[in-house]
Every structure is written in C-alpha cells, then in structure tokens.
Amino acid sequence: MTIRYSAAAIQTDFPNPLDRTRMSDNTDRMLAMIDAAVAGAAPFLPVRLVVFPEFAHAAPVYPTVAELRQRLAVPIPNEHTARLHAKAREHDIYIQSGSMIETDARWPDVVFNTTCLIGPEGILYKYRKVNPWIPYEVHSSPHDLEGYDEPLFPVADTPIGRIGCAICYDWLFPEAMRQLAANGAEVLLRVSAYMDPWGATEPMNWWTIVNRCRALENTAYVVAANQGASLRHYPPYSWPGGSQVVDFDGRMLAEASPGPGERIVVAPIDISAVRDERARRRGHHMLAHLRTEAYPVYGAHQYPPASSRALSYERNLELIDVAKAMLDHPTAPLPTDSGV
C-alpha cells in the first residue's frame, strides 16, 4: 500500500510568555498556521503531518525550577493539547506540538521540557527531553530520575507511518536517534530551538549537518522545525530558523531560508519508499550493520555523576566538571553528593 503525503515544518516567531495565562496567544497562532499549511498544500500533495519548534508554547525564561513551576509549567494533557487535538480531528492530520514546560504529580520537585504527538485519536505519546542543554536548562531528564518507568524514546505507529521525536540538543547524541530508529521510527521529528552561531549558515552549519547525518545514518526521513524567533523575542540569542525536510538518504527536500521569522516548509514523505529501501538494501544499512558490543563506552555510567540535589545553573556546572574529570579516570568510582 502506498503511503505518501506532505509534511510541514512550521517555525514560529512569538514573544515568549512570562506566565501560563499568555500561552494561549501562542496556541492561537499555531492553530492559524496549521490552517495555512493545510490550505496551501490542498491543491497538491495534502499535508498530513505538521511539526512545530521547541518552546513554541513556552520557553524556560526563568532560571530556577521553582520559578518555572510557579509561573509557566503545566500538566499534560491541558487546554493547549486539547485545542491541537481538535485541529488534528478537523484536518485528519498529525501534529508534533511545540514543547512546553511540564509538571507531573509523580515528580513534584522537577519540571520537564515536553512535546506531544497529537493525532485525530488524541495524544499518541509524550516525549520529554532526555538531554537538556546544560548548564543553562534546569528542567530534568527523565533518564536521571530514580524509578522512572516510562519509555524514554517512544514511537507511534500511525496510518502515516511510524513516527518518533526528539528535542533539539538530543540530536547532538546519535544514540538518541539510533534508539528511535531501533524502536521502529521511519520519520524522525526534530523539535528545536537552535541558535546562532551553531545554526543554519556556514561556517558552523551544525543544523543542516546533523539533520542530514541522522537521516542517512538511520535510513529515515527527518522533519526538523527550528525556532525562528527574532532577538527581541528570545534574547540573548538570535535564532536562524532554516527549518528542513530531509529524505532517508540525506537529500534536502525543502529548506526555509535562514533568518528569523515565521516560515512554513512543505515536502513529500513517501513511507512506502523508505520501507522498500530498508527491506531491499544490503549496503549502507547501518541499523542492520551495528556491532553493539564493539562500543564499551556504553557499558559504563558517565552523566550525570551521583546527583540528588536540585538542579540549577551552578549545580549543572559542578556536575559537568565531575563528568569531564571522569573521562580521564574511567575506572574510578562515581563520586557521591557529599563531595560534589
């Protein structure tokens, strides 16, 4: 059966909400942009998948967990995911939400940076950022929480293919995308707020390099939506946009011109083709060729070092320094919090 449709990577340029009551302004605009993406593609290959950037709903504009919990964090599901669900039903599409700061009653002392895949049937998964951009980001990685028992890298099996997502800095860790692909993902979604100078232009075009590498490494499509916020909306960085769609051999299918501002980038996704390629290919099938036991680095704990104290910018710096020291002494026992 042929499964072919358009995916839309939608980048945003919103003022960041300073409290949760203003998040609805961003959601209003996101819904209008979904309508625009669907309408624009209607005479051609219809849009069935829409992807938004990291922090499209709300950015972590406060430096402490306490402030984020008090002013911005929300549980999921919430009014914003409900409105996206209604829009997904209206257009029969799948929406990777922008991320928001999430609270969870099971983990009352932390916040997460979370995005959701939402389809006509509701929320298919929540993805919580596994690799926060330390030292600045103080939301927790689910990996670090004792007793955390939900999948770190969920994949949804949908009528438009098997879809997995990771957030921004996660993509600098090839292992994260490899795990999504090993879990069955055929389309990898990048929900990002990727800033200059590591953006979408030379000489440090990390954005494009990473998107294309992760696509070809995993024989998977990549739909990458990047934050297009202007400096006045999201200081102290400028945000280069450059949202992209890449095919399973690393070919660029569509790309927004670099620079801040709203953009909608649309390109074809052919699930039938990627399934056929994975089934027929013998060469350059890195998923099948992976020699897992060859990499003892993954058998040893690295980050974070022993850590039970609350996260902060200063605490993250301490943990990073301990982890760096462990690289020089890989067989040394992990430090305890009494010494860190």
Protein backbone atom coordinates (compact mmCIF):
# COMPACT_ATOMS: atom_id res chain seq x y z
CA MET A 1 0.00 0.00 0.00
CA THR A 2 1.32 3.43 -0.94
CA ILE A 3 1.58 5.92 1.93
CA ARG A 4 2.56 9.32 0.59
CA TYR A 5 1.77 12.78 1.91
CA SER A 6 3.29 16.18 2.64
CA ALA A 7 4.91 17.14 5.93
CA ALA A 8 5.06 20.76 7.07
CA ALA A 9 7.83 22.09 9.29
CA ILE A 10 6.45 25.29 10.81
CA GLN A 11 8.77 27.75 12.51
CA THR A 12 7.48 30.41 14.83
CA ASP A 13 8.44 33.92 15.92
CA PHE A 14 6.47 34.57 19.10
CA PRO A 15 7.04 36.72 22.16
CA ASN A 16 7.76 34.26 24.95
CA PRO A 17 5.01 34.07 27.57
CA LEU A 18 6.05 35.22 31.03
CA ASP A 19 3.23 33.26 32.67
CA ARG A 20 0.98 30.37 31.71
CA THR A 21 -2.05 32.61 31.12
CA ARG A 22 -0.35 34.03 28.00
CA MET A 23 0.40 30.65 26.43
CA SER A 24 -2.97 30.69 24.69
CA ASP A 25 -1.76 33.55 22.46
CA ASN A 26 0.91 31.24 21.02
CA THR A 27 -1.56 28.39 20.62
CA ASP A 28 -3.95 30.71 18.75
CA ARG A 29 -1.24 31.50 16.20
CA MET A 30 -0.14 27.88 15.92
CA LEU A 31 -3.68 26.83 15.01
CA ALA A 32 -3.85 29.54 12.33
CA MET A 33 -0.51 28.38 10.90
CA ILE A 34 -1.79 24.80 10.73
CA ASP A 35 -4.78 26.04 8.73
CA ALA A 36 -2.41 27.89 6.40
CA ALA A 37 -0.18 24.84 5.87
CA VAL A 38 -3.14 22.60 5.08
CA ALA A 39 -4.74 25.15 2.75
CA GLY A 40 -1.50 25.85 0.90
CA ALA A 41 -0.88 22.19 0.10
CA ALA A 42 -4.51 21.29 -0.66
CA PRO A 43 -4.20 21.51 -4.50
CA PHE A 44 -1.05 19.37 -4.43
CA LEU A 45 0.03 16.57 -2.07
CA PRO A 46 -2.04 17.12 1.08
CA VAL A 47 -0.36 17.83 4.40
CA ARG A 48 -0.83 15.03 6.94
CA LEU A 49 2.00 15.86 9.36
CA VAL A 50 2.81 19.21 10.99
CA VAL A 51 5.84 19.86 13.23
CA PHE A 52 6.44 22.88 15.49
CA PRO A 53 9.68 24.08 17.14
CA GLU A 54 10.89 23.70 20.68
CA PHE A 55 9.39 26.30 23.04
CA ALA A 56 6.64 27.25 20.57
CA HIS A 57 4.24 27.10 23.53
CA ALA A 58 6.58 28.45 26.21
CA ALA A 59 10.32 28.82 26.77
CA PRO A 60 12.11 28.40 30.11
CA VAL A 61 12.57 32.13 30.61
CA TYR A 62 13.20 31.77 34.36
CA PRO A 63 16.49 30.44 35.75
CA THR A 64 15.15 28.27 38.58
CA VAL A 65 12.91 25.24 38.81
CA ALA A 66 10.81 26.97 41.47
CA GLU A 67 10.05 29.93 39.21
CA LEU A 68 9.25 27.70 36.25
CA ARG A 69 6.86 25.63 38.35
CA GLN A 70 5.18 28.70 39.79
CA ARG A 71 4.72 30.71 36.61
CA LEU A 72 4.94 28.61 33.44
CA ALA A 73 4.74 24.86 33.96
CA VAL A 74 1.55 22.99 33.07
CA PRO A 75 0.39 19.37 33.32
CA ILE A 76 -0.24 17.37 30.15
CA PRO A 77 -2.91 16.93 28.83
CA ASN A 78 -4.08 20.54 29.07
CA GLU A 79 -6.11 23.15 27.18
CA HIS A 80 -3.37 23.55 24.54
CA THR A 81 -3.11 19.85 23.72
CA ALA A 82 -6.93 19.72 23.64
CA ARG A 83 -7.06 22.51 21.05
CA LEU A 84 -4.41 20.81 18.93
CA HIS A 85 -6.37 17.57 19.19
CA ALA A 86 -9.47 19.34 17.87
CA LYS A 87 -7.45 20.74 14.97
CA ALA A 88 -5.99 17.29 14.20
CA ARG A 89 -9.52 15.88 14.03
CA GLU A 90 -10.69 18.77 11.85
CA HIS A 91 -7.99 18.21 9.21
CA ASP A 92 -7.26 14.49 9.79
CA ILE A 93 -3.60 15.25 10.45
CA TYR A 94 -0.86 14.53 12.98
CA ILE A 95 0.70 17.40 14.92
CA GLN A 96 4.00 17.39 16.78
CA SER A 97 3.35 20.14 19.27
CA GLY A 98 5.87 22.75 20.19
CA SER A 99 7.39 22.00 23.56
CA MET A 100 6.17 23.34 26.87
CA ILE A 101 7.40 23.20 30.45
CA GLU A 102 5.57 20.29 32.09
CA THR A 103 4.74 19.32 35.66
CA ASP A 104 3.86 15.78 36.69
CA ALA A 105 2.40 14.87 40.08
CA ARG A 106 4.63 11.77 40.16
CA TRP A 107 7.69 14.01 40.13
CA PRO A 108 6.68 17.04 42.22
CA ASP A 109 10.14 18.58 42.53
CA VAL A 110 11.10 18.80 38.86
CA VAL A 111 9.89 20.12 35.52
CA PHE A 112 10.25 18.58 32.06
CA ASN A 113 10.63 20.02 28.57
CA THR A 114 7.90 18.10 26.77
CA THR A 115 6.40 17.79 23.30
CA CYS A 116 3.44 15.65 22.21
CA LEU A 117 2.45 13.86 19.03
CA ILE A 118 -1.27 14.50 18.65
CA GLY A 119 -3.50 12.88 16.05
CA PRO A 120 -7.22 12.59 15.42
CA GLU A 121 -7.27 9.88 18.10
CA GLY A 122 -5.63 12.10 20.75
CA ILE A 123 -2.16 12.22 22.33
CA LEU A 124 -0.12 9.32 20.97
CA TYR A 125 3.00 9.97 23.04
CA LYS A 126 4.71 12.50 25.26
CA TYR A 127 8.42 13.00 24.63
CA ARG A 128 10.43 14.51 27.47
CA LYS A 129 13.82 15.91 26.51
CA VAL A 130 16.44 13.35 27.53
CA ASN A 131 19.44 15.66 27.01
CA PRO A 132 18.71 19.15 28.38
CA TRP A 133 21.03 21.86 27.06
CA ILE A 134 23.19 22.08 30.15
CA PRO A 135 24.29 24.11 32.00
CA TYR A 136 21.52 26.59 31.14
CA GLU A 137 18.48 24.32 31.10
CA VAL A 138 17.33 23.24 34.56
CA HIS A 139 14.44 21.01 33.55
CA SER A 140 15.12 17.36 34.36
CA SER A 141 15.99 14.50 32.08
CA PRO A 142 13.69 11.55 32.72
CA HIS A 143 16.79 9.39 32.40
CA ASP A 144 18.10 10.82 35.66
CA LEU A 145 15.06 10.13 37.85
CA GLU A 146 15.19 7.06 40.05
CA GLY A 147 12.19 4.83 39.40
CA TYR A 148 11.23 6.47 36.09
CA ASP A 149 9.43 3.72 34.18
CA GLU A 150 8.02 5.34 31.02
CA PRO A 151 9.70 4.87 27.61
CA LEU A 152 12.47 7.41 27.00
CA PHE A 153 12.13 7.14 23.21
CA PRO A 154 8.51 6.34 22.31
CA VAL A 155 7.47 5.67 18.71
CA ALA A 156 3.88 5.93 17.47
CA ASP A 157 2.59 3.52 14.80
CA THR A 158 0.17 5.68 12.81
CA PRO A 159 -1.64 5.48 9.45
CA ILE A 160 1.05 7.83 8.07
CA GLY A 161 4.00 5.76 9.28
CA ARG A 162 5.95 5.09 12.43
CA ILE A 163 6.90 8.40 13.99
CA GLY A 164 9.40 9.31 16.69
CA CYS A 165 10.62 12.65 18.03
CA ALA A 166 13.50 14.13 19.99
CA ILE A 167 14.13 17.70 21.10
CA CYS A 168 16.97 19.94 19.93
CA TYR A 169 20.16 19.04 21.86
CA ASP A 170 19.09 15.37 21.84
CA TRP A 171 20.10 15.37 18.18
CA LEU A 172 23.74 16.01 19.05
CA PHE A 173 23.70 12.48 20.52
CA PRO A 174 23.48 10.00 17.61
CA GLU A 175 22.46 7.31 20.12
CA ALA A 176 19.10 9.02 20.68
CA MET A 177 18.12 8.87 17.01
CA ARG A 178 19.51 5.37 16.69
CA GLN A 179 17.28 4.24 19.55
CA LEU A 180 14.22 5.82 17.94
CA ALA A 181 15.04 4.04 14.67
CA ALA A 182 15.65 0.77 16.55
CA ASN A 183 12.20 1.26 18.09
CA GLY A 184 10.79 1.38 14.57
CA ALA A 185 10.70 5.07 13.66
CA GLU A 186 10.57 5.80 9.92
CA VAL A 187 10.09 9.56 10.33
CA LEU A 188 12.25 11.39 12.87
CA LEU A 189 10.89 14.72 14.06
CA ARG A 190 13.20 17.44 15.36
CA VAL A 191 11.56 19.97 17.65
CA SER A 192 14.29 22.59 18.07
CA ALA A 193 15.33 26.00 19.29
CA TYR A 194 18.76 26.03 17.68
CA MET A 195 20.58 29.33 17.94
CA ASP A 196 23.40 31.17 16.23
CA PRO A 197 26.32 30.62 15.80
CA TRP A 198 25.52 26.88 15.69
CA GLY A 199 22.66 27.48 13.30
CA ALA A 200 21.81 27.19 9.65
CA THR A 201 24.67 29.07 7.97
CA GLU A 202 28.36 28.47 7.32
CA PRO A 203 30.95 28.20 8.74
CA MET A 204 29.14 26.37 11.60
CA ASN A 205 26.10 24.91 9.89
CA TRP A 206 25.53 22.33 12.61
CA TRP A 207 21.79 22.39 11.97
CA THR A 208 21.98 21.01 8.43
CA ILE A 209 24.93 18.70 9.07
CA VAL A 210 23.20 16.99 11.96
CA ASN A 211 19.81 16.71 10.25
CA ARG A 212 21.31 15.10 7.15
CA CYS A 213 23.60 12.78 9.10
CA ARG A 214 20.82 11.48 11.34
CA ALA A 215 18.65 10.84 8.29
CA LEU A 216 21.24 8.82 6.38
CA GLU A 217 22.55 7.03 9.49
CA ASN A 218 19.09 5.67 10.24
CA THR A 219 17.52 5.40 6.75
CA ALA A 220 14.72 7.65 7.95
CA TYR A 221 13.04 10.89 6.96
CA VAL A 222 13.78 13.93 9.11
CA VAL A 223 11.28 16.75 9.57
CA ALA A 224 13.07 19.49 11.51
CA ALA A 225 11.26 22.62 12.76
CA ASN A 226 13.54 25.27 14.22
CA GLN A 227 12.74 28.33 16.27
CA GLY A 228 12.63 31.46 14.12
CA ALA A 229 12.36 33.94 16.97
CA SER A 230 13.91 37.35 16.49
CA LEU A 231 16.43 38.57 19.05
CA ARG A 232 13.88 40.86 20.70
CA HIS A 233 11.61 37.88 21.36
CA TYR A 234 14.16 35.47 22.76
CA PRO A 235 17.38 37.12 23.99
CA PRO A 236 20.31 36.64 24.49
CA TYR A 237 20.46 34.62 21.26
CA SER A 238 19.36 35.13 17.69
CA TRP A 239 17.53 32.25 16.09
CA PRO A 240 18.27 31.25 12.50
CA GLY A 241 15.20 29.20 11.53
CA GLY A 242 16.15 27.23 8.45
CA SER A 243 13.51 24.53 9.04
CA GLN A 244 14.06 21.49 6.82
CA VAL A 245 12.77 18.21 5.48
CA VAL A 246 15.41 15.59 4.61
CA ASP A 247 14.90 12.21 2.96
CA PHE A 248 16.26 8.85 4.11
CA ASP A 249 19.46 9.21 2.08
CA GLY A 250 20.24 12.66 3.45
CA ARG A 251 18.90 14.61 0.47
CA MET A 252 17.44 18.01 1.25
CA LEU A 253 13.80 18.04 0.11
CA ALA A 254 12.86 21.50 1.35
CA GLU A 255 14.51 24.23 3.39
CA ALA A 256 13.45 27.60 4.74
CA SER A 257 15.80 30.48 4.01
CA PRO A 258 17.94 31.20 7.09
CA GLY A 259 16.90 34.04 9.31
CA PRO A 260 14.24 34.83 11.90
CA GLY A 261 10.55 34.94 11.10
CA GLU A 262 7.61 32.67 10.53
CA ARG A 263 8.03 30.03 7.81
CA ILE A 264 6.10 27.02 6.55
CA VAL A 265 8.23 24.44 4.72
CA VAL A 266 6.41 21.62 2.94
CA ALA A 267 7.90 18.48 1.35
CA PRO A 268 6.76 14.97 0.34
CA ILE A 269 7.12 11.97 2.65
CA ASP A 270 6.95 8.53 1.00
CA ILE A 271 6.65 5.86 3.68
CA SER A 272 6.34 3.15 1.04
CA ALA A 273 9.73 4.15 -0.35
CA VAL A 274 11.57 4.09 2.97
CA ARG A 275 10.05 0.70 3.86
CA ASP A 276 11.06 -0.70 0.49
CA GLU A 277 14.57 0.73 0.87
CA ARG A 278 15.03 -0.79 4.32
CA ALA A 279 13.76 -4.15 3.06
CA ARG A 280 15.89 -4.32 -0.11
CA ARG A 281 19.11 -2.58 0.91
CA ARG A 282 22.21 -4.60 1.80
CA GLY A 283 24.83 -1.86 1.69
CA HIS A 284 24.70 1.22 3.90
CA HIS A 285 22.13 -0.41 6.17
CA MET A 286 23.64 0.91 9.39
CA LEU A 287 20.76 -0.34 11.54
CA ALA A 288 21.47 -3.91 10.45
CA HIS A 289 25.27 -3.49 10.46
CA LEU A 290 25.52 -2.16 14.02
CA ARG A 291 28.10 -4.03 16.12
CA THR A 292 26.67 -3.14 19.50
CA GLU A 293 29.24 -4.98 21.61
CA ALA A 294 32.10 -3.08 19.95
CA TYR A 295 31.38 0.06 22.00
CA PRO A 296 32.23 -0.50 25.68
CA VAL A 297 31.76 3.23 26.33
CA TYR A 298 28.03 2.50 26.65
CA GLY A 299 28.57 -0.10 29.35
CA ALA A 300 29.82 2.47 31.85
CA HIS A 301 27.92 5.26 33.55
CA GLN A 302 29.01 8.79 32.56
CA TYR A 303 26.46 11.56 33.07
CA PRO A 304 25.14 12.65 35.43
CA PRO A 305 27.50 11.85 38.26
CA ALA A 306 25.74 10.95 41.52
CA SER A 307 23.19 13.69 41.97
CA SER A 308 20.26 14.14 44.32
CA ARG A 309 20.31 17.90 44.88
CA ALA A 310 18.00 20.24 42.98
CA LEU A 311 19.14 21.38 39.55
CA SER A 312 20.39 24.88 38.93
CA TYR A 313 22.81 26.54 36.53
CA GLU A 314 25.55 26.36 39.17
CA ARG A 315 24.74 22.74 40.02
CA ASN A 316 24.88 21.77 36.34
CA LEU A 317 28.34 23.32 36.06
CA GLU A 318 29.53 21.23 39.01
CA LEU A 319 28.18 18.01 37.53
CA ILE A 320 29.67 18.75 34.11
CA ASP A 321 33.11 19.27 35.69
CA VAL A 322 32.87 15.97 37.56
CA ALA A 323 31.80 14.15 34.39
CA LYS A 324 34.72 15.68 32.48
CA ALA A 325 37.15 14.52 35.17
CA MET A 326 35.72 11.01 34.91
CA LEU A 327 36.75 10.94 31.24
CA ASP A 328 40.37 10.98 32.41
CA HIS A 329 39.76 8.26 35.04
CA PRO A 330 37.08 6.00 33.54
CA THR A 331 37.52 3.21 36.11
CA ALA A 332 37.24 5.47 39.17
CA PRO A 333 34.13 5.01 41.35
CA LEU A 334 31.32 7.52 40.96
CA PRO A 335 31.51 10.42 43.40
CA THR A 336 28.80 10.90 46.00
CA ASP A 337 26.88 14.07 46.63
CA SER A 338 28.87 14.65 49.80
CA GLY A 339 31.85 15.51 47.62
CA VAL A 340 30.12 17.23 44.70
